Amino acid sequence: MSTEKSTILVVEDDDIVRMLIVDVLDELEFKVLEADGSEQALEFLNDSDQVIDLMMTDVGLPVMDGRELATQARLIRPALPVLFASGYAESIDVPADMHVIGKPFSIDQLRDKVTGILVNA
């Protein structure tokens, strides 16, 4: 799969953090969808016309945490790659076929992680 213009759904409840991630992904020439939590993310996921190549979600979301959101996302889109962003990356448990990046991360770390996931998807 080519990473050219891949669409990434970014789910992050902190507006500033979400804006920074979106800016970085924009600069890396990805198409970005923004969600401030699981409800908004599920609206994108349930829209069958909406292409989503990767979901990047914070683990600590209000209402439904990132792991629960990933479970719901996989029910809707079974092959969807998922990347968790967490300040506690070394201590979170994620399913074997999902990925984690520790916060804070550099632009290069984010680019390499996202590109690596999309190339192997």
Protein backbone atom coordinates (compact mmCIF):
# COMPACT_ATOMS: atom_id res chain seq x y z
CA MET A 1 0.00 0.00 0.00
CA SER A 2 1.32 3.43 -0.87
CA THR A 3 1.35 6.03 1.88
CA GLU A 4 0.58 8.75 -0.66
CA LYS A 5 -2.43 10.68 0.56
CA SER A 6 -3.40 7.98 3.03
CA THR A 7 -6.23 9.09 5.31
CA ILE A 8 -5.56 9.07 9.03
CA LEU A 9 -8.27 9.47 11.65
CA VAL A 10 -6.76 11.26 14.66
CA VAL A 11 -8.71 10.83 17.90
CA GLU A 12 -7.46 13.07 20.71
CA ASP A 13 -9.52 14.94 23.32
CA ASP A 14 -6.81 17.53 24.03
CA ASP A 15 -7.31 20.24 21.38
CA ILE A 16 -3.69 21.43 21.44
CA VAL A 17 -2.22 17.93 21.20
CA ARG A 18 -4.68 17.03 18.41
CA MET A 19 -3.81 20.21 16.53
CA LEU A 20 -0.07 19.45 16.77
CA ILE A 21 -0.53 15.87 15.53
CA VAL A 22 -2.78 17.03 12.69
CA ASP A 23 -0.26 19.74 11.69
CA VAL A 24 2.56 17.19 11.59
CA LEU A 25 0.53 14.69 9.55
CA ASP A 26 -0.57 17.49 7.20
CA GLU A 27 3.06 18.46 6.66
CA LEU A 28 3.83 14.82 5.90
CA GLU A 29 1.08 15.06 3.26
CA PHE A 30 -1.45 12.74 4.81
CA LYS A 31 -5.15 13.47 4.62
CA VAL A 32 -6.34 13.92 8.20
CA LEU A 33 -9.72 13.51 9.84
CA GLU A 34 -10.04 14.94 13.35
CA ALA A 35 -12.16 13.62 16.18
CA ASP A 36 -12.21 15.03 19.71
CA GLY A 37 -13.43 11.75 21.18
CA SER A 38 -14.92 8.34 20.51
CA GLU A 39 -18.39 9.55 19.47
CA GLN A 40 -17.03 11.73 16.68
CA ALA A 41 -14.57 8.99 15.68
CA LEU A 42 -17.38 6.44 15.41
CA GLU A 43 -19.30 8.79 13.11
CA PHE A 44 -16.34 8.73 10.69
CA LEU A 45 -15.91 4.97 11.10
CA ASN A 46 -19.59 4.27 10.44
CA ASP A 47 -19.56 6.34 7.24
CA SER A 48 -18.92 3.65 4.64
CA ASP A 49 -18.04 6.29 2.02
CA GLN A 50 -15.22 7.61 4.20
CA VAL A 51 -11.80 6.09 3.46
CA ILE A 52 -9.70 5.58 6.61
CA ASP A 53 -6.29 3.95 6.25
CA LEU A 54 -5.21 4.29 9.89
CA MET A 55 -6.76 5.34 13.18
CA MET A 56 -4.43 7.06 15.62
CA THR A 57 -6.03 7.39 19.03
CA ASP A 58 -5.10 8.59 22.46
CA VAL A 59 -5.50 5.84 25.05
CA GLY A 60 -6.94 8.11 27.73
CA LEU A 61 -10.14 9.39 26.18
CA PRO A 62 -13.22 10.41 28.19
CA VAL A 63 -16.39 8.25 27.98
CA MET A 64 -14.87 5.40 25.94
CA ASP A 65 -11.10 4.94 26.19
CA GLY A 66 -8.87 4.32 23.19
CA ARG A 67 -8.84 0.54 23.62
CA GLU A 68 -12.63 0.36 23.71
CA LEU A 69 -12.77 2.64 20.68
CA ALA A 70 -10.30 0.37 18.84
CA THR A 71 -12.49 -2.64 19.65
CA GLN A 72 -15.55 -0.84 18.26
CA ALA A 73 -13.57 0.34 15.23
CA ARG A 74 -12.52 -3.22 14.42
CA LEU A 75 -16.14 -4.39 14.56
CA ILE A 76 -16.96 -1.79 11.90
CA ARG A 77 -13.70 -2.05 9.92
CA PRO A 78 -11.98 -5.36 10.76
CA ALA A 79 -8.74 -4.64 8.87
CA LEU A 80 -8.23 -1.08 10.16
CA PRO A 81 -4.69 -0.47 11.46
CA VAL A 82 -4.72 1.19 14.90
CA LEU A 83 -1.97 3.29 16.47
CA PHE A 84 -2.29 4.20 20.14
CA ALA A 85 -0.56 7.32 21.44
CA SER A 86 0.17 7.19 25.14
CA GLY A 87 2.30 8.89 27.73
CA TYR A 88 2.54 5.42 29.31
CA ALA A 89 3.43 3.48 26.17
CA GLU A 90 5.65 0.97 27.93
CA SER A 91 2.93 -0.02 30.36
CA ILE A 92 -0.18 -0.26 28.19
CA ASP A 93 -1.54 -3.52 26.93
CA VAL A 94 -2.60 -3.49 23.30
CA PRO A 95 -3.73 -6.32 21.04
CA ALA A 96 -0.88 -7.91 19.11
CA ASP A 97 -1.93 -6.48 15.75
CA MET A 98 -2.15 -2.88 17.02
CA HIS A 99 0.66 -0.37 17.51
CA VAL A 100 1.81 2.10 20.18
CA ILE A 101 3.81 5.32 20.07
CA GLY A 102 4.92 6.96 23.29
CA LYS A 103 4.14 10.61 24.02
CA PRO A 104 5.89 12.89 23.60
CA PHE A 105 7.13 11.83 20.18
CA SER A 106 9.17 13.65 17.56
CA ILE A 107 7.99 14.43 14.05
CA ASP A 108 10.44 11.82 12.74
CA GLN A 109 9.18 9.16 15.17
CA LEU A 110 5.58 9.83 14.15
CA ARG A 111 6.42 9.79 10.44
CA ASP A 112 8.41 6.55 10.72
CA LYS A 113 5.74 4.83 12.82
CA VAL A 114 2.82 5.86 10.58
CA THR A 115 4.70 5.10 7.37
CA GLY A 116 5.80 1.70 8.71
CA ILE A 117 2.23 0.76 9.64
CA LEU A 118 0.76 1.91 6.30
CA VAL A 119 3.45 0.19 4.19
CA ASN A 120 2.68 -3.11 5.96
CA ALA A 121 -1.12 -2.72 5.93
